[in-house]
């Protein structure tokens, strides 16, 4: 018997692949199976040790919180007895704790759930802990990190448990209203009333690989609708594909990921502006046939948003999902830093080879892409981040599914809401600027373009097919559309042009982009939010008025 007990305490069976793991090795690997990568559950204490700087943790004021059996509930055991057993097993008073600490030197408030205490179910005590954590973060003007692990509401407390969903949600709402960061880590499992309240209300939503996350549990769903569920249903990876999460991050990388998130939302100190090389006089640009410009703009070797993010910017943290349906790979975005300034970088992404271009829909976003862009723009406005958009798209994706999911409405709302955001916006056409799919990222205080890019109401081929009745007339259509940099400067559609070489060179292009963007942001940062919005209104109000220059006669 002694030998059997020793073996049980020395080896741990992975619940996913059934491989036995040497316990000490498993603990060194943060309880991640070395055979299959399955993330075993951690206690609340383990979570704190993983994420919080050593010696920085100060427990919050929650010793006075008591869990009462207000319903005198009894199933096979009394609720009181279940509470006693849970306390003996975990050493905690209930299923959540909170306190103040630091993560990579950034002070924050953290609330962590303990799944081992009655399945992390949310009763009045858990709701009170989460609410007090949010109130403390609000009072101290600190970010809030919520680590979630729960089977849902605590049935033994009936409707009092249900009310915790409203109580915690309104506490998070107050943080959003005050412009404070809320980050949620969803671990295995996170279900029910916790998922349908504070767990999904963060500015940033992150999950561990393989974590099960949802409202109703899979067994309940099967029994209710009597259907087979799709593979990987309700896993973190499934939710990421459905646009509900910003990222799925392996446990070993969580600390560094959160450090980047916190750094991106900390006060930035801009460096002195780089002298721009932007051209504002069309006479200083070398005229080229429109057909040649279109060919250059579409060249496979042109830098993409992700390549600019890697070379022109000092850091970039991609955030994903529209929080409604999906995550369009044709549009990427997230906080970035450039010359000491944190910005929200958003851009079309075509990919760097054929396989990636297909995966990214050749830079043509679905509605989910524009909803993601708008979500990130709102995020930027909440935290006072300037917005930098990089435009390179043939246009919005015109497929049946896109129409069914509201392509036009998604573009319209992005255009409308971006026009009213009280933060500086700089848009740069880096390649193709195709139609409303481009303009959705183009309502900006400064609109720039690369010398060999184009910006047009429609593709030359589309224009030729409609007005010439022949797609082969695309060269004539391109010339007639006046879509090149010199012509757009004369029209006032763009404010400046970034010179570039032929063929496109990422190092030179990145330097030009960096200089143009930082100079524009330095100028715009001197204006108040209301002044930015008013000036943006006047900027676009003028188009089509009697002051619009006529350039057709100059051709």
Protein backbone atom coordinates (compact mmCIF):
# COMPACT_ATOMS: atom_id res chain seq x y z
CA UNK A 1 0.00 0.00 0.00
CA UNK A 2 2.82 2.43 0.90
CA UNK A 3 4.48 1.75 -2.46
CA UNK A 4 1.22 2.44 -4.35
CA UNK A 5 0.68 5.75 -2.52
CA UNK A 6 4.25 6.81 -3.26
CA UNK A 7 3.72 6.09 -6.94
CA UNK A 8 0.47 8.08 -6.99
CA UNK A 9 2.17 11.12 -5.49
CA UNK A 10 5.23 10.84 -7.78
CA UNK A 11 3.44 10.43 -11.12
CA UNK A 12 0.49 12.34 -12.61
CA UNK A 13 -1.67 11.02 -15.44
CA UNK A 14 -2.41 13.57 -18.15
CA UNK A 15 -6.22 13.84 -18.54
CA UNK A 16 -5.81 14.47 -22.27
CA UNK A 17 -3.31 11.91 -23.60
CA UNK A 18 -3.21 9.57 -20.54
CA UNK A 19 0.59 9.72 -20.44
CA UNK A 20 2.09 9.56 -16.95
CA UNK A 21 4.18 12.59 -16.04
CA UNK A 22 6.86 12.72 -13.37
CA UNK A 23 5.30 15.15 -10.91
CA UNK A 24 8.36 17.32 -10.31
CA UNK A 25 9.02 17.59 -14.03
CA UNK A 26 5.37 18.49 -14.61
CA UNK A 27 5.54 21.23 -11.98
CA UNK A 28 8.73 22.63 -13.53
CA UNK A 29 6.87 22.71 -16.84
CA UNK A 30 4.09 24.81 -15.22
CA UNK A 31 1.75 21.78 -15.21
CA UNK A 32 1.76 21.56 -18.99
CA UNK A 33 1.96 17.98 -20.29
CA UNK A 34 5.34 17.38 -21.90
CA UNK A 35 3.81 14.75 -24.21
CA UNK A 36 0.77 16.53 -25.68
CA UNK A 37 0.92 20.12 -24.40
CA UNK A 38 -2.31 19.85 -22.43
CA UNK A 39 -2.59 22.60 -19.81
CA UNK A 40 -3.55 21.03 -16.48
CA UNK A 41 -5.40 23.24 -14.01
CA UNK A 42 -3.59 25.52 -11.59
CA UNK A 43 -4.63 26.70 -8.14
CA UNK A 44 -5.13 30.39 -7.44
CA UNK A 45 -1.84 30.40 -5.53
CA UNK A 46 -0.07 28.86 -8.53
CA UNK A 47 -1.53 31.56 -10.76
CA UNK A 48 -0.20 34.31 -8.54
CA UNK A 49 3.25 32.70 -8.46
CA UNK A 50 3.21 32.47 -12.26
CA UNK A 51 2.13 36.04 -13.00
CA UNK A 52 2.89 38.35 -10.09
CA UNK A 53 6.37 39.69 -9.32
CA UNK A 54 7.88 37.96 -6.31
CA UNK A 55 7.37 39.86 -3.08
CA UNK A 56 4.95 42.39 -4.57
CA UNK A 57 1.61 40.78 -3.64
CA UNK A 58 -0.54 42.50 -1.03
CA UNK A 59 -3.88 40.76 -0.37
CA UNK A 60 -7.00 42.90 -0.70
CA UNK A 61 -9.55 43.60 1.99
CA UNK A 62 -11.94 40.67 1.77
CA UNK A 63 -11.48 38.86 5.10
CA UNK A 64 -14.87 40.15 6.19
CA UNK A 65 -16.70 38.49 3.28
CA UNK A 66 -18.76 35.55 4.51
CA UNK A 67 -20.69 32.99 2.51
CA UNK A 68 -24.18 32.45 3.97
CA UNK A 69 -26.57 29.61 3.31
CA UNK A 70 -29.46 32.01 2.80
CA UNK A 71 -31.66 29.37 1.15
CA UNK A 72 -30.85 26.61 3.67
CA UNK A 73 -30.12 24.61 0.53
CA UNK A 74 -29.69 20.85 0.59
CA UNK A 75 -29.20 18.28 -2.15
CA UNK A 76 -27.32 15.13 -1.23
CA UNK A 77 -25.49 17.28 1.32
CA UNK A 78 -26.27 20.57 2.93
CA UNK A 79 -24.70 23.67 1.36
CA UNK A 80 -23.02 24.37 4.70
CA UNK A 81 -21.32 20.99 4.62
CA UNK A 82 -20.14 21.49 1.03
CA UNK A 83 -18.60 24.82 2.03
CA UNK A 84 -16.78 23.22 4.94
CA UNK A 85 -15.37 20.47 2.72
CA UNK A 86 -14.25 22.98 0.09
CA UNK A 87 -12.46 25.07 2.72
CA UNK A 88 -10.71 22.01 4.13
CA UNK A 89 -9.63 20.91 0.66
CA UNK A 90 -8.36 24.29 -0.64
CA UNK A 91 -7.49 26.25 2.48
CA UNK A 92 -9.49 29.21 1.12
CA UNK A 93 -12.70 30.80 2.35
CA UNK A 94 -14.33 30.78 -1.10
CA UNK A 95 -13.58 30.54 -4.82
CA UNK A 96 -11.87 33.91 -5.45
CA UNK A 97 -9.27 36.24 -4.00
CA UNK A 98 -7.89 39.63 -4.95
CA UNK A 99 -5.02 41.92 -4.16
CA UNK A 100 -2.48 44.40 -5.49
CA UNK A 101 0.85 43.45 -6.98
CA UNK A 102 3.07 44.08 -9.95
CA UNK A 103 3.65 42.22 -13.18
CA UNK A 104 6.98 42.96 -14.84
CA UNK A 105 7.11 46.12 -12.75
CA UNK A 106 3.61 47.33 -13.69
CA UNK A 107 1.31 47.76 -10.67
CA UNK A 108 -2.14 46.26 -11.02
CA UNK A 109 -5.07 44.75 -9.17
CA UNK A 110 -5.59 41.04 -9.77
CA UNK A 111 -8.58 38.84 -8.94
CA UNK A 112 -8.01 35.11 -9.30
CA UNK A 113 -10.55 32.29 -9.16
CA UNK A 114 -10.00 28.93 -7.48
CA UNK A 115 -11.67 26.14 -9.47
CA UNK A 116 -10.95 23.65 -6.71
CA UNK A 117 -13.45 25.43 -4.47
CA UNK A 118 -16.86 24.09 -5.59
CA UNK A 119 -15.87 24.27 -9.25
CA UNK A 120 -15.13 28.00 -9.04
CA UNK A 121 -18.86 28.64 -8.96
CA UNK A 122 -19.92 32.25 -8.47
CA UNK A 123 -21.97 32.95 -5.38
CA UNK A 124 -22.27 36.14 -3.37
CA UNK A 125 -18.73 35.88 -1.98
CA UNK A 126 -17.12 35.54 -5.41
CA UNK A 127 -19.24 38.38 -6.78
CA UNK A 128 -18.19 40.55 -3.83
CA UNK A 129 -14.50 39.76 -4.34
CA UNK A 130 -14.63 40.61 -8.05
CA UNK A 131 -16.59 43.80 -7.37
CA UNK A 132 -14.22 44.94 -4.64
CA UNK A 133 -11.27 44.25 -6.92
CA UNK A 134 -12.80 46.49 -9.60
CA UNK A 135 -13.62 49.19 -7.06
CA UNK A 136 -10.08 49.11 -5.69
CA UNK A 137 -8.63 49.35 -9.21
CA UNK A 138 -10.95 52.28 -9.91
CA UNK A 139 -9.97 54.09 -6.70
CA UNK A 140 -6.24 53.59 -7.33
CA UNK A 141 -6.45 54.14 -11.13
CA UNK A 142 -4.80 50.76 -11.75
CA UNK A 143 -5.32 48.09 -14.43
CA UNK A 144 -7.39 45.06 -13.44
CA UNK A 145 -6.42 41.48 -14.30
CA UNK A 146 -9.17 38.87 -13.91
CA UNK A 147 -8.11 35.21 -13.98
CA UNK A 148 -11.24 33.16 -14.57
CA UNK A 149 -11.94 29.48 -13.90
CA UNK A 150 -15.55 28.55 -13.20
CA UNK A 151 -18.30 26.09 -13.86
CA UNK A 152 -20.83 28.94 -13.65
CA UNK A 153 -23.31 30.20 -11.10
CA UNK A 154 -23.55 28.67 -7.63
CA UNK A 155 -26.94 27.00 -7.67
CA UNK A 156 -27.02 26.64 -3.88
CA UNK A 157 -27.50 30.42 -3.64
CA UNK A 158 -30.30 30.61 -6.19
CA UNK A 159 -31.24 34.04 -7.51
CA UNK A 160 -28.68 35.72 -5.23
CA UNK A 161 -26.03 34.03 -7.35
CA UNK A 162 -27.78 35.22 -10.51
CA UNK A 163 -27.63 38.82 -9.29
CA UNK A 164 -23.82 38.61 -9.11
CA UNK A 165 -23.75 38.75 -12.91
CA UNK A 166 -25.27 42.24 -12.83
CA UNK A 167 -23.25 43.32 -9.81
CA UNK A 168 -19.89 42.40 -11.32
CA UNK A 169 -20.78 43.66 -14.81
CA UNK A 170 -21.66 47.12 -13.59
CA UNK A 171 -18.40 47.25 -11.62
CA UNK A 172 -16.50 46.54 -14.84
CA UNK A 173 -18.61 49.13 -16.67
CA UNK A 174 -17.42 51.82 -14.25
CA UNK A 175 -13.82 50.96 -15.08
CA UNK A 176 -14.51 51.25 -18.80
CA UNK A 177 -16.20 54.61 -18.27
CA UNK A 178 -13.10 55.88 -16.47
CA UNK A 179 -10.71 54.70 -19.18
CA UNK A 180 -9.05 51.97 -17.11
CA UNK A 181 -7.66 48.75 -18.55
CA UNK A 182 -9.41 45.43 -17.86
CA UNK A 183 -7.67 42.23 -18.96
CA UNK A 184 -9.31 38.81 -18.67
CA UNK A 185 -7.50 35.47 -18.74
CA UNK A 186 -9.91 32.60 -19.42
CA UNK A 187 -8.65 29.24 -18.21
CA UNK A 188 -10.08 25.73 -18.24
CA UNK A 189 -12.99 25.77 -17.72
CA UNK A 190 -14.88 29.07 -17.84
CA UNK A 191 -18.63 28.66 -18.20
CA UNK A 192 -22.06 29.97 -17.28
CA UNK A 193 -22.69 33.15 -15.35
CA UNK A 194 -19.00 34.02 -15.11
CA UNK A 195 -18.56 33.86 -18.89
CA UNK A 196 -21.81 35.76 -19.39
CA UNK A 197 -20.62 38.60 -17.15
CA UNK A 198 -17.20 39.90 -16.20
CA UNK A 199 -15.08 37.20 -17.88
CA UNK A 200 -15.99 38.43 -21.37
CA UNK A 201 -16.03 42.16 -20.61
CA UNK A 202 -12.32 42.88 -20.68
CA UNK A 203 -10.60 45.22 -23.09
CA UNK A 204 -8.26 42.30 -23.82
CA UNK A 205 -9.47 38.69 -23.74
CA UNK A 206 -6.86 35.93 -23.59
CA UNK A 207 -7.19 32.18 -23.09
CA UNK A 208 -4.85 29.28 -22.47
CA UNK A 209 -4.59 26.59 -25.17
CA UNK A 210 -7.36 24.03 -25.05
CA UNK A 211 -9.37 25.84 -22.37
CA UNK A 212 -13.09 25.09 -22.54
CA UNK A 213 -15.09 28.32 -22.62
CA UNK A 214 -18.78 28.94 -23.19
CA UNK A 215 -22.15 29.80 -21.74
CA UNK A 216 -23.92 26.44 -21.64
CA UNK A 217 -21.77 23.35 -21.17
CA UNK A 218 -21.40 20.89 -24.07
CA UNK A 219 -23.48 18.19 -22.38
CA UNK A 220 -26.33 20.63 -21.77
CA UNK A 221 -26.17 21.75 -25.41
CA UNK A 222 -26.22 18.18 -26.72
CA UNK A 223 -29.20 17.24 -24.58
CA UNK A 224 -31.08 20.42 -25.47
CA UNK A 225 -30.66 20.52 -29.27
CA UNK A 226 -29.94 16.79 -29.82
CA UNK A 227 -27.16 17.48 -32.34
CA UNK A 228 -23.53 16.49 -32.70
CA UNK A 229 -21.19 19.34 -31.85
CA UNK A 230 -18.37 20.38 -34.21
CA UNK A 231 -14.75 19.39 -33.49
CA UNK A 232 -12.95 21.54 -30.91
CA UNK A 233 -16.29 23.11 -30.00
CA UNK A 234 -15.97 25.66 -27.16
CA UNK A 235 -12.19 25.35 -27.02
CA UNK A 236 -10.06 28.47 -26.83
CA UNK A 237 -8.93 27.88 -30.41
CA UNK A 238 -12.56 27.61 -31.55
CA UNK A 239 -13.41 30.92 -29.88
CA UNK A 240 -10.36 32.59 -31.43
CA UNK A 241 -11.55 31.56 -34.90
CA UNK A 242 -15.02 32.85 -34.04
CA UNK A 243 -13.61 36.29 -33.21
CA UNK A 244 -14.30 36.13 -29.47
CA UNK A 245 -10.70 36.31 -28.21
CA UNK A 246 -7.67 38.48 -28.83
CA UNK A 247 -5.18 35.65 -28.40
CA UNK A 248 -4.57 32.10 -27.22
CA UNK A 249 -1.30 32.16 -25.30
CA UNK A 250 0.64 29.17 -23.93
CA UNK A 251 1.12 29.28 -20.17
CA UNK A 252 4.87 29.79 -20.38
CA UNK A 253 4.33 32.94 -22.46
CA UNK A 254 1.49 34.50 -20.46
CA UNK A 255 3.67 36.66 -18.26
CA UNK A 256 5.55 38.19 -21.20
CA UNK A 257 2.29 38.68 -23.12
CA UNK A 258 0.67 40.55 -20.24
CA UNK A 259 3.84 42.58 -19.76
CA UNK A 260 3.50 43.76 -23.37
CA UNK A 261 -0.18 44.57 -22.85
CA UNK A 262 0.55 46.61 -19.73
CA UNK A 263 3.47 48.41 -21.36
CA UNK A 264 1.29 49.31 -24.35
CA UNK A 265 -1.24 50.95 -22.03
CA UNK A 266 1.27 52.76 -19.84
CA UNK A 267 2.14 56.43 -20.29
CA UNK A 268 4.43 56.80 -23.30
CA UNK A 269 7.10 59.46 -23.79
CA UNK A 270 7.44 60.40 -27.48
CA UNK A 271 10.91 60.98 -28.87
CA UNK A 272 11.70 64.14 -30.88
CA UNK A 273 10.04 64.07 -34.28
CA UNK A 274 12.05 62.74 -37.22
CA UNK A 275 12.44 65.20 -40.08
CA UNK A 276 9.96 64.01 -42.70
CA UNK A 277 10.75 63.56 -46.38
CA UNK A 278 7.07 63.78 -47.32
CA UNK A 279 6.38 65.58 -50.59
CA UNK A 280 3.46 68.02 -50.61
CA UNK A 281 4.01 69.67 -54.01
CA UNK A 282 3.01 67.49 -56.97
CA UNK A 283 5.58 69.25 -59.17
CA UNK A 284 8.33 67.45 -57.21
CA UNK A 285 6.97 64.02 -58.15
CA UNK A 286 8.04 62.18 -61.30
CA UNK A 287 4.99 61.67 -63.52
CA UNK A 288 4.31 58.04 -64.45
CA UNK A 289 1.51 56.50 -66.51
CA UNK A 290 -1.39 55.44 -64.28
CA UNK A 291 -1.19 51.90 -65.70
CA UNK A 292 2.43 51.62 -64.52
CA UNK A 293 1.55 52.92 -61.05
CA UNK A 294 -1.23 50.34 -60.69
CA UNK A 295 1.22 47.60 -61.62
CA UNK A 296 3.77 48.83 -59.07
CA UNK A 297 1.10 49.13 -56.36
CA UNK A 298 0.09 45.51 -56.89
CA UNK A 299 3.63 44.09 -57.01
CA UNK A 300 4.07 41.01 -54.82
CA UNK A 301 7.30 42.35 -53.30
CA UNK A 302 5.67 45.46 -51.81
CA UNK A 303 5.91 45.61 -48.00
CA UNK A 304 2.79 44.53 -46.13
CA UNK A 305 1.36 45.83 -42.86
CA UNK A 306 3.05 43.05 -40.88
CA UNK A 307 6.41 43.74 -42.51
CA UNK A 308 6.05 47.45 -41.72
CA UNK A 309 5.07 46.52 -38.16
CA UNK A 310 8.31 44.58 -37.83
CA UNK A 311 10.64 47.17 -39.41
CA UNK A 312 9.11 50.65 -39.13
CA UNK A 313 7.69 50.20 -35.63
CA UNK A 314 9.56 49.32 -32.44
CA UNK A 315 6.97 46.82 -31.19
CA UNK A 316 3.61 45.39 -32.23
CA UNK A 317 1.09 43.27 -30.32
CA UNK A 318 -1.59 41.81 -32.57
CA UNK A 319 -5.13 41.65 -31.20
CA UNK A 320 -7.77 39.61 -32.97
CA UNK A 321 -11.50 39.18 -33.38
CA UNK A 322 -14.61 41.27 -33.89
CA UNK A 323 -16.28 39.87 -30.72
CA UNK A 324 -19.29 38.90 -32.85
CA UNK A 325 -18.55 36.30 -35.51
CA UNK A 326 -14.97 35.90 -36.70
CA UNK A 327 -11.51 37.23 -37.30
CA UNK A 328 -10.66 38.40 -40.81
CA UNK A 329 -7.01 37.61 -41.56
CA UNK A 330 -7.11 40.24 -44.33
CA UNK A 331 -6.94 42.98 -41.70
CA UNK A 332 -4.57 43.07 -38.73
CA UNK A 333 -4.17 45.44 -35.84
CA UNK A 334 -3.03 46.07 -32.30
CA UNK A 335 -0.97 48.41 -30.11
CA UNK A 336 2.43 49.37 -31.52
CA UNK A 337 5.18 51.76 -30.56
CA UNK A 338 7.00 54.15 -32.84
CA UNK A 339 9.63 56.61 -31.63
CA UNK A 340 8.51 56.22 -28.01
CA UNK A 341 4.82 56.76 -28.78
CA UNK A 342 2.16 54.06 -28.37
CA UNK A 343 -0.29 53.96 -31.27
CA UNK A 344 -3.01 51.64 -32.50
CA UNK A 345 -1.72 50.17 -35.76
CA UNK A 346 -4.41 48.83 -38.12
CA UNK A 347 -3.87 47.72 -41.69
CA UNK A 348 -4.80 45.48 -44.58
CA UNK A 349 -2.63 42.38 -44.92
CA UNK A 350 -2.16 40.57 -48.25
CA UNK A 351 0.48 38.07 -47.17
CA UNK A 352 3.99 37.52 -48.50
CA UNK A 353 3.49 34.39 -50.65
CA UNK A 354 0.72 32.62 -52.53
CA UNK A 355 -0.31 30.35 -49.67
CA UNK A 356 -0.50 33.22 -47.18
CA UNK A 357 -2.26 35.49 -49.70
CA UNK A 358 -4.98 32.88 -50.11
CA UNK A 359 -5.30 32.53 -46.33
CA UNK A 360 -5.55 36.32 -46.02
CA UNK A 361 -8.08 36.63 -48.84
CA UNK A 362 -5.62 38.76 -50.85
CA UNK A 363 -6.13 41.66 -48.48
CA UNK A 364 -9.90 41.88 -49.02
CA UNK A 365 -11.52 42.02 -45.56
CA UNK A 366 -14.86 40.44 -44.72
CA UNK A 367 -17.26 42.38 -42.44
CA UNK A 368 -15.47 40.86 -39.45
CA UNK A 369 -12.32 42.70 -40.48
CA UNK A 370 -13.99 46.09 -40.48
CA UNK A 371 -15.75 45.36 -37.19
CA UNK A 372 -12.38 44.35 -35.73
CA UNK A 373 -10.84 47.58 -37.02
CA UNK A 374 -13.62 49.62 -35.44
CA UNK A 375 -13.26 47.74 -32.15
CA UNK A 376 -9.55 48.57 -32.11
CA UNK A 377 -10.26 52.20 -32.99
CA UNK A 378 -12.66 52.46 -30.05
CA UNK A 379 -10.01 50.83 -27.86
CA UNK A 380 -7.50 53.45 -29.00
CA UNK A 381 -9.93 56.28 -28.25
CA UNK A 382 -10.59 54.91 -24.76
CA UNK A 383 -6.90 54.94 -23.90
CA UNK A 384 -5.95 58.09 -25.81
CA UNK A 385 -3.82 56.25 -28.37
CA UNK A 386 -3.28 57.85 -31.79
CA UNK A 387 -4.37 55.62 -34.67
CA UNK A 388 -2.17 54.74 -37.65
CA UNK A 389 -3.82 52.89 -40.54
CA UNK A 390 -2.00 51.28 -43.48
CA UNK A 391 -4.19 50.85 -46.55
CA UNK A 392 -3.45 48.18 -49.16
CA UNK A 393 -6.51 46.43 -50.53
CA UNK A 394 -8.17 45.83 -53.91
CA UNK A 395 -11.40 46.44 -52.00
CA UNK A 396 -13.72 44.85 -49.49
CA UNK A 397 -14.49 41.18 -50.12
CA UNK A 398 -17.62 40.96 -52.34
CA UNK A 399 -18.66 37.38 -51.53
CA UNK A 400 -22.14 36.11 -50.69
CA UNK A 401 -21.24 35.42 -47.06
CA UNK A 402 -19.87 38.93 -46.65
CA UNK A 403 -23.13 40.40 -47.90
CA UNK A 404 -25.13 38.13 -45.61
CA UNK A 405 -23.11 39.33 -42.62
CA UNK A 406 -23.48 43.02 -43.43
CA UNK A 407 -20.42 44.13 -45.41
CA UNK A 408 -21.81 47.54 -46.34
CA UNK A 409 -22.99 48.25 -42.81
CA UNK A 410 -19.62 47.29 -41.32
CA UNK A 411 -17.81 49.66 -43.70
CA UNK A 412 -20.33 52.45 -43.12
CA UNK A 413 -20.00 52.26 -39.36
CA UNK A 414 -16.20 52.22 -39.53
CA UNK A 415 -16.24 55.36 -41.69
CA UNK A 416 -18.78 57.13 -39.49
CA UNK A 417 -17.31 56.34 -36.10
CA UNK A 418 -13.68 56.90 -37.08
CA UNK A 419 -14.65 60.40 -38.23
CA UNK A 420 -15.67 61.28 -34.66
CA UNK A 421 -12.85 59.77 -32.60
CA UNK A 422 -11.06 62.36 -30.41
CA UNK A 423 -7.54 61.04 -31.06
CA UNK A 424 -5.08 61.78 -33.88
CA UNK A 425 -5.50 59.56 -36.95
CA UNK A 426 -2.89 59.15 -39.68
CA UNK A 427 -3.74 57.02 -42.72
CA UNK A 428 -1.14 55.87 -45.26
CA UNK A 429 -1.98 54.22 -48.60
CA UNK A 430 0.94 51.81 -48.95
CA UNK A 431 -0.20 49.95 -52.08
CA UNK A 432 -3.71 49.62 -53.46
CA UNK A 433 -6.39 51.96 -52.17
CA UNK A 434 -9.49 50.28 -53.50
CA UNK A 435 -12.90 51.86 -53.00
CA UNK A 436 -14.86 51.88 -49.73
CA UNK A 437 -12.80 48.95 -48.49
CA UNK A 438 -9.88 51.39 -48.35
CA UNK A 439 -11.81 54.41 -47.12
CA UNK A 440 -12.99 52.45 -44.07
CA UNK A 441 -9.43 52.98 -42.80
CA UNK A 442 -8.93 56.32 -44.52
CA UNK A 443 -10.96 58.90 -42.59
CA UNK A 444 -7.98 60.58 -40.96
CA UNK A 445 -6.49 63.91 -39.94
CA UNK A 446 -3.52 63.28 -42.24
CA UNK A 447 -3.91 61.13 -45.35
CA UNK A 448 -0.58 60.13 -46.89
CA UNK A 449 0.38 57.74 -49.64
CA UNK A 450 3.48 56.14 -51.08
CA UNK A 451 4.68 57.45 -54.41
CA UNK A 452 3.86 54.22 -56.24
CA UNK A 453 0.52 53.58 -54.57
CA UNK A 454 -2.90 54.45 -55.94
CA UNK A 455 -6.25 55.43 -54.42
CA UNK A 456 -9.46 55.08 -56.39
CA UNK A 457 -13.24 54.83 -56.22
CA UNK A 458 -13.04 51.53 -58.15
CA UNK A 459 -10.43 49.30 -59.72
CA UNK A 460 -9.41 50.26 -63.27
CA UNK A 461 -10.68 46.89 -64.48
CA UNK A 462 -14.05 47.41 -62.82
CA UNK A 463 -14.37 50.90 -64.23
CA UNK A 464 -13.44 49.68 -67.72
CA UNK A 465 -15.98 46.84 -67.56
CA UNK A 466 -18.79 49.17 -66.51
CA UNK A 467 -18.11 52.31 -68.57
CA UNK A 468 -16.11 50.98 -71.54
CA UNK A 469 -17.88 47.65 -71.61
CA UNK A 470 -14.47 46.01 -71.90
CA UNK A 471 -12.03 45.12 -69.09
CA UNK A 472 -9.14 45.43 -71.53
CA UNK A 473 -9.64 49.20 -71.42
CA UNK A 474 -8.24 49.22 -67.87
CA UNK A 475 -5.24 51.40 -68.86
CA UNK A 476 -7.52 54.11 -70.22
CA UNK A 477 -9.75 53.84 -67.15
CA UNK A 478 -6.77 54.16 -64.80
CA UNK A 479 -5.65 57.31 -66.60
CA UNK A 480 -9.15 58.78 -66.50
CA UNK A 481 -9.67 58.03 -62.79
CA UNK A 482 -6.73 60.28 -61.76
CA UNK A 483 -5.61 57.79 -59.13
CA UNK A 484 -1.88 58.53 -58.89
CA UNK A 485 -0.07 60.48 -56.17
CA UNK A 486 0.48 63.76 -58.08
CA UNK A 487 -3.15 63.87 -59.16
CA UNK A 488 -4.48 63.07 -55.68
CA UNK A 489 -2.26 65.78 -54.21
CA UNK A 490 -3.77 68.31 -56.63
CA UNK A 491 -7.28 67.14 -55.71
CA UNK A 492 -6.49 67.48 -52.00
CA UNK A 493 -7.45 63.86 -51.37
CA UNK A 494 -4.01 63.19 -49.87
CA UNK A 495 -1.88 65.57 -47.80
CA UNK A 496 1.55 64.22 -48.61
CA UNK A 497 3.47 61.60 -50.56
CA UNK A 498 6.26 59.35 -49.24
CA UNK A 499 8.95 58.87 -51.90
CA UNK A 500 10.02 55.34 -52.72
CA UNK A 501 12.40 53.40 -54.92
CA UNK A 502 11.73 50.89 -57.68
CA UNK A 503 11.45 48.04 -56.88
CA UNK A 504 10.05 48.65 -53.42
CA UNK A 505 12.66 48.40 -50.65
CA UNK A 506 11.39 47.57 -47.16
CA UNK A 507 14.21 49.35 -45.29
CA UNK A 508 13.85 52.61 -47.22
CA UNK A 509 10.05 52.40 -47.24
CA UNK A 510 9.95 51.74 -43.48
CA UNK A 511 12.21 54.72 -42.81
CA UNK A 512 10.00 56.95 -44.94
CA UNK A 513 6.86 55.70 -43.25
CA UNK A 514 8.32 56.14 -39.77
CA UNK A 515 9.42 59.69 -40.48
CA UNK A 516 6.12 60.71 -42.05
CA UNK A 517 3.98 59.17 -39.31
CA UNK A 518 5.97 60.50 -36.35
CA UNK A 519 6.10 64.01 -37.83
CA UNK A 520 2.34 64.02 -38.46
CA UNK A 521 1.59 62.72 -34.95
CA UNK A 522 3.82 65.37 -33.39
CA UNK A 523 1.83 68.08 -35.17
CA UNK A 524 -1.55 66.54 -34.39
CA UNK A 525 -0.80 65.88 -30.72
CA UNK A 526 -0.88 69.65 -30.10
CA UNK A 527 -4.63 69.68 -30.85
CA UNK A 528 -7.40 68.80 -28.40
CA UNK A 529 -9.80 65.96 -29.11
CA UNK A 530 -12.63 68.32 -30.03
CA UNK A 531 -10.36 70.34 -32.32
CA UNK A 532 -9.28 67.15 -34.08
CA UNK A 533 -12.89 66.09 -34.67
CA UNK A 534 -13.89 69.55 -35.92
CA UNK A 535 -10.91 69.80 -38.27
CA UNK A 536 -11.56 66.28 -39.59
CA UNK A 537 -15.15 67.25 -40.33
CA UNK A 538 -14.03 70.33 -42.27
CA UNK A 539 -11.39 68.30 -44.13
CA UNK A 540 -13.91 65.91 -45.64
CA UNK A 541 -16.72 68.46 -45.83
CA UNK A 542 -14.88 70.34 -48.60
CA UNK A 543 -14.84 67.54 -51.16
CA UNK A 544 -17.30 68.29 -53.94
CA UNK A 545 -17.74 71.91 -52.89
CA UNK A 546 -16.92 74.86 -55.14
CA UNK A 547 -13.36 74.91 -53.74
CA UNK A 548 -12.45 71.49 -55.16
CA UNK A 549 -9.75 72.00 -57.83
CA UNK A 550 -10.39 70.89 -61.40
CA UNK A 551 -7.46 68.85 -62.67
CA UNK A 552 -9.02 67.22 -65.71
CA UNK A 553 -8.12 70.25 -67.85
CA UNK A 554 -4.47 69.99 -66.77
CA UNK A 555 -4.04 66.55 -68.36
